[in-house]
Amino acid sequence: MAIIGGIFLIVSVVLFFVRLSKLKQLACIRSARLATASDIHQVASAVAQDIGSGSWQDYVKVYGKIVCDQPIHSQVKKVACVYYKTKVTREYEEIVTRKDDQGRTIKKTERQSEVVSQTTLSTPFWLADATGKIKIHPEDANIETIEILSEFRPETQRSSRISFGGFSLTTNTHHNARGRTLGYRYKESILPVDREALIIGMANDMTSLVTIRKPSENKQQFIIALKTEGELVKNVSGHVQQVFYAMLGCLGVGTALLAVDLFS
């Protein structure tokens, strides 16, 4: 019972830090200055005239449409986007040896999985609103994506190469890999073009073109969300509340179990 209580306490500590992370995200959303593309360009131009270009920066939030002259295409589905993440997981059966409660050695077949490929790729794009557009460099952003693929494909023939859509990979499935391959699970998510998005990041004029990119300070987050500011605040606030109650629940259960074990 003490072990179970300890596990609940550990989970409560993990949830405490998850809540801190969500509170930090909420603070970033609220602290960023609401701006338009035109406003950002005007401020940057005014500062450049006064003190020269290259030194101005402003933590902003801008809402508009994702526009890209040369979008990339997702690895499997080949959908036009400005960011994609593709993950391929091999699922297999393996015979494992364990000991039961009586100390007897038993063998059983268990289903396992391992990631065989994970790829992310992004490209700079424009965020366009009613006043103009501004360049976005999405590297290292916290990006909300849309899942466009989640499919398990059973292995139908013994081969050292798998392929699906635009994806292909040479594998060691039948040589050094563990267990019997059941198949491969493909997942793909994207940040699509022509979608409304909220960008929260650091606008600066370090290059000849004013851009929004990842802030240099850790306390400021770089967020790309497919929501309005109000929707995003509501979503994050809800997570903060849920995590708080889950943390209190785990703390209470863990403390109670340890107390019972201590006084029993």
C-alpha atoms as a PDB file:
ATOM      1  CA  MET A   1       0.000   0.000   0.000  1.00  0.00           C
ATOM      2  CA  ALA A   2       2.887   2.340   0.752  1.00  0.00           C
ATOM      3  CA  ILE A   3       4.271   1.763  -2.745  1.00  0.00           C
ATOM      4  CA  ILE A   4       0.944   2.668  -4.341  1.00  0.00           C
ATOM      5  CA  GLY A   5       0.690   5.740  -2.122  1.00  0.00           C
ATOM      6  CA  GLY A   6       4.195   6.785  -3.155  1.00  0.00           C
ATOM      7  CA  ILE A   7       3.253   6.443  -6.818  1.00  0.00           C
ATOM      8  CA  PHE A   8       0.243   8.728  -6.315  1.00  0.00           C
ATOM      9  CA  LEU A   9       2.466  11.308  -4.615  1.00  0.00           C
ATOM     10  CA  ILE A  10       4.979  11.175  -7.464  1.00  0.00           C
ATOM     11  CA  VAL A  11       2.141  11.696  -9.957  1.00  0.00           C
ATOM     12  CA  SER A  12       0.938  14.694  -7.945  1.00  0.00           C
ATOM     13  CA  VAL A  13       4.422  16.236  -8.149  1.00  0.00           C
ATOM     14  CA  VAL A  14       4.499  15.687 -11.924  1.00  0.00           C
ATOM     15  CA  LEU A  15       1.059  17.306 -12.241  1.00  0.00           C
ATOM     16  CA  PHE A  16       2.288  20.253 -10.163  1.00  0.00           C
ATOM     17  CA  PHE A  17       4.967  20.999 -12.764  1.00  0.00           C
ATOM     18  CA  VAL A  18       2.519  20.398 -15.633  1.00  0.00           C
ATOM     19  CA  ARG A  19       0.245  23.015 -14.069  1.00  0.00           C
ATOM     20  CA  LEU A  20       3.145  25.464 -13.746  1.00  0.00           C
ATOM     21  CA  SER A  21       3.885  24.974 -17.449  1.00  0.00           C
ATOM     22  CA  LYS A  22       0.261  25.671 -18.368  1.00  0.00           C
ATOM     23  CA  LEU A  23       0.179  28.758 -16.141  1.00  0.00           C
ATOM     24  CA  LYS A  24       3.331  30.002 -17.879  1.00  0.00           C
ATOM     25  CA  GLN A  25       1.669  29.500 -21.247  1.00  0.00           C
ATOM     26  CA  LEU A  26      -1.420  31.375 -20.061  1.00  0.00           C
ATOM     27  CA  ALA A  27       0.760  34.266 -18.835  1.00  0.00           C
ATOM     28  CA  CYS A  28       2.500  34.440 -22.225  1.00  0.00           C
ATOM     29  CA  ILE A  29      -0.803  34.600 -24.089  1.00  0.00           C
ATOM     30  CA  ARG A  30      -2.026  37.449 -21.899  1.00  0.00           C
ATOM     31  CA  SER A  31       1.241  39.410 -21.774  1.00  0.00           C
ATOM     32  CA  ALA A  32       1.897  39.515 -25.528  1.00  0.00           C
ATOM     33  CA  ARG A  33       0.831  42.790 -27.163  1.00  0.00           C
ATOM     34  CA  LEU A  34      -2.142  42.457 -29.499  1.00  0.00           C
ATOM     35  CA  ALA A  35      -1.057  43.763 -32.892  1.00  0.00           C
ATOM     36  CA  THR A  36      -1.771  43.730 -36.618  1.00  0.00           C
ATOM     37  CA  ALA A  37       0.677  43.169 -39.447  1.00  0.00           C
ATOM     38  CA  SER A  38       0.538  46.848 -40.405  1.00  0.00           C
ATOM     39  CA  ASP A  39       1.051  47.968 -36.812  1.00  0.00           C
ATOM     40  CA  ILE A  40       4.162  45.815 -36.439  1.00  0.00           C
ATOM     41  CA  HIS A  41       5.699  47.144 -39.657  1.00  0.00           C
ATOM     42  CA  GLN A  42       4.938  50.759 -38.688  1.00  0.00           C
ATOM     43  CA  VAL A  43       6.508  50.419 -35.237  1.00  0.00           C
ATOM     44  CA  ALA A  44       9.578  48.695 -36.673  1.00  0.00           C
ATOM     45  CA  SER A  45       9.970  51.415 -39.307  1.00  0.00           C
ATOM     46  CA  ALA A  46       9.629  54.221 -36.744  1.00  0.00           C
ATOM     47  CA  VAL A  47      12.223  52.663 -34.436  1.00  0.00           C
ATOM     48  CA  ALA A  48      14.601  52.067 -37.362  1.00  0.00           C
ATOM     49  CA  GLN A  49      14.402  55.756 -38.323  1.00  0.00           C
ATOM     50  CA  ASP A  50      15.208  56.817 -34.751  1.00  0.00           C
ATOM     51  CA  ILE A  51      17.984  54.431 -33.722  1.00  0.00           C
ATOM     52  CA  GLY A  52      18.627  52.272 -36.771  1.00  0.00           C
ATOM     53  CA  SER A  53      17.435  48.813 -37.717  1.00  0.00           C
ATOM     54  CA  GLY A  54      18.428  45.559 -36.072  1.00  0.00           C
ATOM     55  CA  SER A  55      17.771  46.381 -32.408  1.00  0.00           C
ATOM     56  CA  TRP A  56      13.958  46.495 -32.201  1.00  0.00           C
ATOM     57  CA  GLN A  57      11.853  43.620 -30.921  1.00  0.00           C
ATOM     58  CA  ASP A  58       8.360  43.272 -29.499  1.00  0.00           C
ATOM     59  CA  TYR A  59       6.525  40.290 -27.981  1.00  0.00           C
ATOM     60  CA  VAL A  60       3.250  40.236 -29.916  1.00  0.00           C
ATOM     61  CA  LYS A  61       0.177  38.209 -30.780  1.00  0.00           C
ATOM     62  CA  VAL A  62      -1.296  38.433 -34.263  1.00  0.00           C
ATOM     63  CA  TYR A  63      -4.324  36.694 -35.774  1.00  0.00           C
ATOM     64  CA  GLY A  64      -4.636  36.044 -39.492  1.00  0.00           C
ATOM     65  CA  LYS A  65      -4.528  33.528 -42.322  1.00  0.00           C
ATOM     66  CA  ILE A  66      -1.582  31.245 -43.100  1.00  0.00           C
ATOM     67  CA  VAL A  67      -0.324  32.013 -46.611  1.00  0.00           C
ATOM     68  CA  CYS A  68       2.623  30.376 -48.356  1.00  0.00           C
ATOM     69  CA  ASP A  69       3.866  30.835 -51.917  1.00  0.00           C
ATOM     70  CA  GLN A  70       5.720  27.509 -51.918  1.00  0.00           C
ATOM     71  CA  PRO A  71       4.234  25.201 -49.276  1.00  0.00           C
ATOM     72  CA  ILE A  72       5.810  21.894 -48.413  1.00  0.00           C
ATOM     73  CA  HIS A  73       3.859  18.618 -48.647  1.00  0.00           C
ATOM     74  CA  SER A  74       3.432  16.067 -45.900  1.00  0.00           C
ATOM     75  CA  GLN A  75       5.513  12.934 -46.183  1.00  0.00           C
ATOM     76  CA  VAL A  76       2.761  10.319 -46.547  1.00  0.00           C
ATOM     77  CA  LYS A  77      -0.457  12.040 -47.618  1.00  0.00           C
ATOM     78  CA  LYS A  78       1.265  14.777 -49.670  1.00  0.00           C
ATOM     79  CA  VAL A  79      -1.032  17.492 -48.305  1.00  0.00           C
ATOM     80  CA  ALA A  80       0.092  21.117 -48.758  1.00  0.00           C
ATOM     81  CA  CYS A  81       1.185  22.650 -45.447  1.00  0.00           C
ATOM     82  CA  VAL A  82       3.822  24.781 -43.726  1.00  0.00           C
ATOM     83  CA  TYR A  83       4.699  22.182 -41.075  1.00  0.00           C
ATOM     84  CA  TYR A  84       4.244  18.440 -40.764  1.00  0.00           C
ATOM     85  CA  LYS A  85       5.121  15.656 -38.369  1.00  0.00           C
ATOM     86  CA  THR A  86       5.141  12.048 -39.549  1.00  0.00           C
ATOM     87  CA  LYS A  87       5.579   9.128 -37.163  1.00  0.00           C
ATOM     88  CA  VAL A  88       5.801   5.455 -38.097  1.00  0.00           C
ATOM     89  CA  THR A  89       5.601   2.840 -35.343  1.00  0.00           C
ATOM     90  CA  ARG A  90       6.303  -0.863 -35.738  1.00  0.00           C
ATOM     91  CA  GLU A  91       3.957  -3.070 -33.719  1.00  0.00           C
ATOM     92  CA  TYR A  92       5.062  -6.588 -32.901  1.00  0.00           C
ATOM     93  CA  GLU A  93       4.490  -9.600 -30.658  1.00  0.00           C
ATOM     94  CA  GLU A  94       7.229 -10.779 -28.345  1.00  0.00           C
ATOM     95  CA  ILE A  95       7.503 -13.660 -25.898  1.00  0.00           C
ATOM     96  CA  VAL A  96       8.527 -12.283 -22.506  1.00  0.00           C
ATOM     97  CA  THR A  97       9.537 -14.107 -19.339  1.00  0.00           C
ATOM     98  CA  ARG A  98       8.226 -12.876 -16.005  1.00  0.00           C
ATOM     99  CA  LYS A  99       7.707 -14.102 -12.456  1.00  0.00           C
ATOM    100  CA  ASP A 100       4.223 -14.310 -10.968  1.00  0.00           C
ATOM    101  CA  ASP A 101       3.194 -13.533  -7.375  1.00  0.00           C
ATOM    102  CA  GLN A 102       4.352 -16.970  -6.249  1.00  0.00           C
ATOM    103  CA  GLY A 103       7.790 -16.520  -7.790  1.00  0.00           C
ATOM    104  CA  ARG A 104       7.125 -18.938 -10.636  1.00  0.00           C
ATOM    105  CA  THR A 105       8.622 -18.195 -14.042  1.00  0.00           C
ATOM    106  CA  ILE A 106       6.000 -17.771 -16.742  1.00  0.00           C
ATOM    107  CA  LYS A 107       6.168 -16.962 -20.419  1.00  0.00           C
ATOM    108  CA  LYS A 108       3.558 -14.938 -22.242  1.00  0.00           C
ATOM    109  CA  THR A 109       3.163 -13.182 -25.573  1.00  0.00           C
ATOM    110  CA  GLU A 110       2.849  -9.414 -25.333  1.00  0.00           C
ATOM    111  CA  ARG A 111       2.164  -6.755 -27.928  1.00  0.00           C
ATOM    112  CA  GLN A 112       4.927  -4.140 -28.090  1.00  0.00           C
ATOM    113  CA  SER A 113       5.788  -1.191 -30.297  1.00  0.00           C
ATOM    114  CA  GLU A 114       8.802   0.832 -31.361  1.00  0.00           C
ATOM    115  CA  VAL A 115       9.178   4.041 -33.375  1.00  0.00           C
ATOM    116  CA  VAL A 116      11.025   3.331 -36.616  1.00  0.00           C
ATOM    117  CA  SER A 117      10.735   6.791 -38.175  1.00  0.00           C
ATOM    118  CA  GLN A 118       9.809  10.265 -36.988  1.00  0.00           C
ATOM    119  CA  THR A 119      10.153  13.284 -39.248  1.00  0.00           C
ATOM    120  CA  THR A 120       9.260  16.949 -38.801  1.00  0.00           C
ATOM    121  CA  LEU A 121       9.681  19.664 -41.388  1.00  0.00           C
ATOM    122  CA  SER A 122       8.607  23.307 -41.605  1.00  0.00           C
ATOM    123  CA  THR A 123       8.958  26.268 -43.922  1.00  0.00           C
ATOM    124  CA  PRO A 124       8.623  30.039 -43.368  1.00  0.00           C
ATOM    125  CA  PHE A 125       5.210  31.444 -44.260  1.00  0.00           C
ATOM    126  CA  TRP A 126       3.175  34.669 -44.199  1.00  0.00           C
ATOM    127  CA  LEU A 127       0.445  35.528 -41.746  1.00  0.00           C
ATOM    128  CA  ALA A 128      -2.024  37.779 -43.549  1.00  0.00           C
ATOM    129  CA  ASP A 129      -4.696  39.917 -41.904  1.00  0.00           C
ATOM    130  CA  ALA A 130      -6.876  42.795 -43.112  1.00  0.00           C
ATOM    131  CA  THR A 131      -3.968  45.249 -42.787  1.00  0.00           C
ATOM    132  CA  GLY A 132      -1.191  43.347 -44.557  1.00  0.00           C
ATOM    133  CA  LYS A 133       1.078  40.382 -43.896  1.00  0.00           C
ATOM    134  CA  ILE A 134       4.138  39.479 -41.846  1.00  0.00           C
ATOM    135  CA  LYS A 135       6.727  36.738 -42.218  1.00  0.00           C
ATOM    136  CA  ILE A 136       6.690  33.863 -39.706  1.00  0.00           C
ATOM    137  CA  HIS A 137       9.655  31.557 -39.035  1.00  0.00           C
ATOM    138  CA  PRO A 138       8.041  28.583 -37.243  1.00  0.00           C
ATOM    139  CA  GLU A 139      11.209  26.822 -36.063  1.00  0.00           C
ATOM    140  CA  ASP A 140      10.951  25.645 -32.424  1.00  0.00           C
ATOM    141  CA  ALA A 141       7.373  26.864 -32.029  1.00  0.00           C
ATOM    142  CA  ASN A 142       4.723  25.105 -29.969  1.00  0.00           C
ATOM    143  CA  ILE A 143       2.517  24.258 -32.951  1.00  0.00           C
ATOM    144  CA  GLU A 144      -1.104  23.143 -32.883  1.00  0.00           C
ATOM    145  CA  THR A 145      -1.647  20.740 -35.758  1.00  0.00           C
ATOM    146  CA  ILE A 146      -4.440  18.869 -37.497  1.00  0.00           C
ATOM    147  CA  GLU A 147      -4.165  15.082 -37.678  1.00  0.00           C
ATOM    148  CA  ILE A 148      -4.663  13.929 -41.250  1.00  0.00           C
ATOM    149  CA  LEU A 149      -3.598  10.296 -40.894  1.00  0.00           C
ATOM    150  CA  SER A 150      -3.814   7.596 -38.226  1.00  0.00           C
ATOM    151  CA  GLU A 151      -3.797   4.172 -39.780  1.00  0.00           C
ATOM    152  CA  PHE A 152      -2.497   0.705 -38.917  1.00  0.00           C
ATOM    153  CA  ARG A 153      -1.394  -1.346 -41.899  1.00  0.00           C
ATOM    154  CA  PRO A 154      -0.830  -5.058 -41.215  1.00  0.00           C
ATOM    155  CA  GLU A 155       2.274  -6.637 -42.659  1.00  0.00           C
ATOM    156  CA  THR A 156       1.194  -8.727 -45.634  1.00  0.00           C
ATOM    157  CA  GLN A 157       4.533  -9.923 -46.984  1.00  0.00           C
ATOM    158  CA  ARG A 158       8.047 -10.470 -45.731  1.00  0.00           C
ATOM    159  CA  SER A 159      10.064  -7.565 -47.067  1.00  0.00           C
ATOM    160  CA  SER A 160      12.965  -5.405 -45.953  1.00  0.00           C
ATOM    161  CA  ARG A 161      11.199  -2.277 -47.215  1.00  0.00           C
ATOM    162  CA  ILE A 162       7.898  -0.651 -46.272  1.00  0.00           C
ATOM    163  CA  SER A 163       6.090   2.083 -48.169  1.00  0.00           C
ATOM    164  CA  PHE A 164       2.855   4.043 -47.863  1.00  0.00           C
ATOM    165  CA  GLY A 165       1.953   7.041 -50.005  1.00  0.00           C
ATOM    166  CA  GLY A 166       5.075   9.167 -50.323  1.00  0.00           C
ATOM    167  CA  PHE A 167       6.830   7.393 -47.435  1.00  0.00           C
ATOM    168  CA  SER A 168       9.273   4.501 -47.794  1.00  0.00           C
ATOM    169  CA  LEU A 169      11.823   2.988 -45.429  1.00  0.00           C
ATOM    170  CA  THR A 170      14.286   0.117 -45.408  1.00  0.00           C
ATOM    171  CA  THR A 171      13.755  -1.884 -42.213  1.00  0.00           C
ATOM    172  CA  ASN A 172      15.463  -4.695 -40.328  1.00  0.00           C
ATOM    173  CA  THR A 173      12.147  -6.306 -39.485  1.00  0.00           C
ATOM    174  CA  HIS A 174      13.152  -9.853 -40.337  1.00  0.00           C
ATOM    175  CA  HIS A 175      16.816  -9.686 -39.364  1.00  0.00           C
ATOM    176  CA  ASN A 176      17.777  -8.008 -36.088  1.00  0.00           C
ATOM    177  CA  ALA A 177      14.374  -6.704 -34.955  1.00  0.00           C
ATOM    178  CA  ARG A 178      12.690  -8.139 -31.892  1.00  0.00           C
ATOM    179  CA  GLY A 179       9.543 -10.250 -32.067  1.00  0.00           C
ATOM    180  CA  ARG A 180       7.121 -10.961 -34.878  1.00  0.00           C
ATOM    181  CA  THR A 181       6.058  -7.894 -36.811  1.00  0.00           C
ATOM    182  CA  LEU A 182       2.286  -7.391 -36.899  1.00  0.00           C
ATOM    183  CA  GLY A 183       2.358  -4.232 -38.985  1.00  0.00           C
ATOM    184  CA  TYR A 184       3.065  -0.511 -38.946  1.00  0.00           C
ATOM    185  CA  ARG A 185       1.053   2.388 -37.564  1.00  0.00           C
ATOM    186  CA  TYR A 186       1.276   5.643 -39.527  1.00  0.00           C
ATOM    187  CA  LYS A 187       0.437   9.006 -37.993  1.00  0.00           C
ATOM    188  CA  GLU A 188       0.696  12.368 -39.677  1.00  0.00           C
ATOM    189  CA  SER A 189      -0.319  15.868 -38.564  1.00  0.00           C
ATOM    190  CA  ILE A 190       0.091  19.222 -40.291  1.00  0.00           C
ATOM    191  CA  LEU A 191      -0.201  22.976 -39.965  1.00  0.00           C
ATOM    192  CA  PRO A 192      -2.238  23.607 -43.126  1.00  0.00           C
ATOM    193  CA  VAL A 193      -2.199  26.595 -45.446  1.00  0.00           C
ATOM    194  CA  ASP A 194      -5.215  28.896 -45.772  1.00  0.00           C
ATOM    195  CA  ARG A 195      -6.218  28.427 -42.125  1.00  0.00           C
ATOM    196  CA  GLU A 196      -6.766  31.166 -39.544  1.00  0.00           C
ATOM    197  CA  ALA A 197      -4.104  31.060 -36.830  1.00  0.00           C
ATOM    198  CA  LEU A 198      -2.935  32.946 -33.768  1.00  0.00           C
ATOM    199  CA  ILE A 199       0.801  33.624 -33.654  1.00  0.00           C
ATOM    200  CA  ILE A 200       2.431  34.576 -30.356  1.00  0.00           C
ATOM    201  CA  GLY A 201       6.124  35.325 -30.693  1.00  0.00           C
ATOM    202  CA  MET A 202       8.893  37.882 -30.956  1.00  0.00           C
ATOM    203  CA  ALA A 203       8.636  40.378 -33.800  1.00  0.00           C
ATOM    204  CA  ASN A 204      12.035  41.825 -34.722  1.00  0.00           C
ATOM    205  CA  ASP A 205      13.958  43.555 -37.499  1.00  0.00           C
ATOM    206  CA  MET A 206      17.240  41.680 -37.180  1.00  0.00           C
ATOM    207  CA  THR A 207      17.116  40.942 -40.908  1.00  0.00           C
ATOM    208  CA  SER A 208      16.056  43.146 -43.801  1.00  0.00           C
ATOM    209  CA  LEU A 209      12.541  41.727 -43.391  1.00  0.00           C
ATOM    210  CA  VAL A 210      10.491  42.140 -40.203  1.00  0.00           C
ATOM    211  CA  THR A 211       9.647  38.664 -38.923  1.00  0.00           C
ATOM    212  CA  ILE A 212       8.092  36.827 -35.990  1.00  0.00           C
ATOM    213  CA  ARG A 213      10.107  33.970 -34.550  1.00  0.00           C
ATOM    214  CA  LYS A 214      11.059  32.249 -31.293  1.00  0.00           C
ATOM    215  CA  PRO A 215      11.866  34.668 -28.421  1.00  0.00           C
ATOM    216  CA  SER A 216      15.352  34.512 -26.946  1.00  0.00           C
ATOM    217  CA  GLU A 217      14.034  34.593 -23.368  1.00  0.00           C
ATOM    218  CA  ASN A 218      12.818  31.296 -21.878  1.00  0.00           C
ATOM    219  CA  LYS A 219       9.933  32.973 -20.062  1.00  0.00           C
ATOM    220  CA  GLN A 220       8.380  33.935 -23.395  1.00  0.00           C
ATOM    221  CA  GLN A 221       6.899  31.125 -25.461  1.00  0.00           C
ATOM    222  CA  PHE A 222       6.499  30.819 -29.213  1.00  0.00           C
ATOM    223  CA  ILE A 223       2.969  29.599 -29.926  1.00  0.00           C
ATOM    224  CA  ILE A 224       1.140  28.859 -33.173  1.00  0.00           C
ATOM    225  CA  ALA A 225      -2.502  27.970 -32.495  1.00  0.00           C
ATOM    226  CA  LEU A 226      -5.455  27.287 -34.779  1.00  0.00           C
ATOM    227  CA  LYS A 227      -7.687  29.214 -32.383  1.00  0.00           C
ATOM    228  CA  THR A 228      -8.605  32.792 -31.568  1.00  0.00           C
ATOM    229  CA  GLU A 229      -7.065  34.324 -28.460  1.00  0.00           C
ATOM    230  CA  GLY A 230     -10.310  33.844 -26.522  1.00  0.00           C
ATOM    231  CA  GLU A 231     -10.571  30.190 -27.524  1.00  0.00           C
ATOM    232  CA  LEU A 232      -6.944  29.544 -26.632  1.00  0.00           C
ATOM    233  CA  VAL A 233      -7.238  31.227 -23.210  1.00  0.00           C
ATOM    234  CA  LYS A 234     -10.382  29.197 -22.463  1.00  0.00           C
ATOM    235  CA  ASN A 235      -8.672  25.968 -23.554  1.00  0.00           C
ATOM    236  CA  VAL A 236      -5.504  26.514 -21.507  1.00  0.00           C
ATOM    237  CA  SER A 237      -7.465  27.753 -18.461  1.00  0.00           C
ATOM    238  CA  GLY A 238      -9.540  24.576 -18.595  1.00  0.00           C
ATOM    239  CA  HIS A 239      -6.396  22.443 -18.637  1.00  0.00           C
ATOM    240  CA  VAL A 240      -4.999  24.383 -15.665  1.00  0.00           C
ATOM    241  CA  GLN A 241      -8.153  23.675 -13.664  1.00  0.00           C
ATOM    242  CA  GLN A 242      -8.288  19.996 -14.640  1.00  0.00           C
ATOM    243  CA  VAL A 243      -4.644  19.438 -13.747  1.00  0.00           C
ATOM    244  CA  PHE A 244      -5.136  21.253 -10.418  1.00  0.00           C
ATOM    245  CA  TYR A 245      -7.992  18.977  -9.343  1.00  0.00           C
ATOM    246  CA  ALA A 246      -6.122  15.881 -10.555  1.00  0.00           C
ATOM    247  CA  MET A 247      -3.057  16.991  -8.574  1.00  0.00           C
ATOM    248  CA  LEU A 248      -5.117  17.473  -5.406  1.00  0.00           C
ATOM    249  CA  GLY A 249      -6.781  14.092  -5.909  1.00  0.00           C
ATOM    250  CA  CYS A 250      -3.473  12.248  -6.307  1.00  0.00           C
ATOM    251  CA  LEU A 251      -2.003  14.100  -3.336  1.00  0.00           C
ATOM    252  CA  GLY A 252      -4.979  13.204  -1.161  1.00  0.00           C
ATOM    253  CA  VAL A 253      -5.059   9.532  -2.161  1.00  0.00           C
ATOM    254  CA  GLY A 254      -1.293   9.159  -1.832  1.00  0.00           C
ATOM    255  CA  THR A 255      -1.251  10.780   1.618  1.00  0.00           C
ATOM    256  CA  ALA A 256      -4.184   8.657   2.794  1.00  0.00           C
ATOM    257  CA  LEU A 257      -2.584   5.397   1.620  1.00  0.00           C
ATOM    258  CA  LEU A 258       0.707   6.249   3.319  1.00  0.00           C
ATOM    259  CA  ALA A 259      -1.116   7.144   6.528  1.00  0.00           C
ATOM    260  CA  VAL A 260      -3.056   3.870   6.505  1.00  0.00           C
ATOM    261  CA  ASP A 261       0.137   1.915   5.953  1.00  0.00           C
ATOM    262  CA  LEU A 262       1.953   3.852   8.682  1.00  0.00           C
ATOM    263  CA  PHE A 263      -0.699   3.347  11.378  1.00  0.00           C
ATOM    264  CA  SER A 264      -1.845  -0.146  10.451  1.00  0.00           C
END
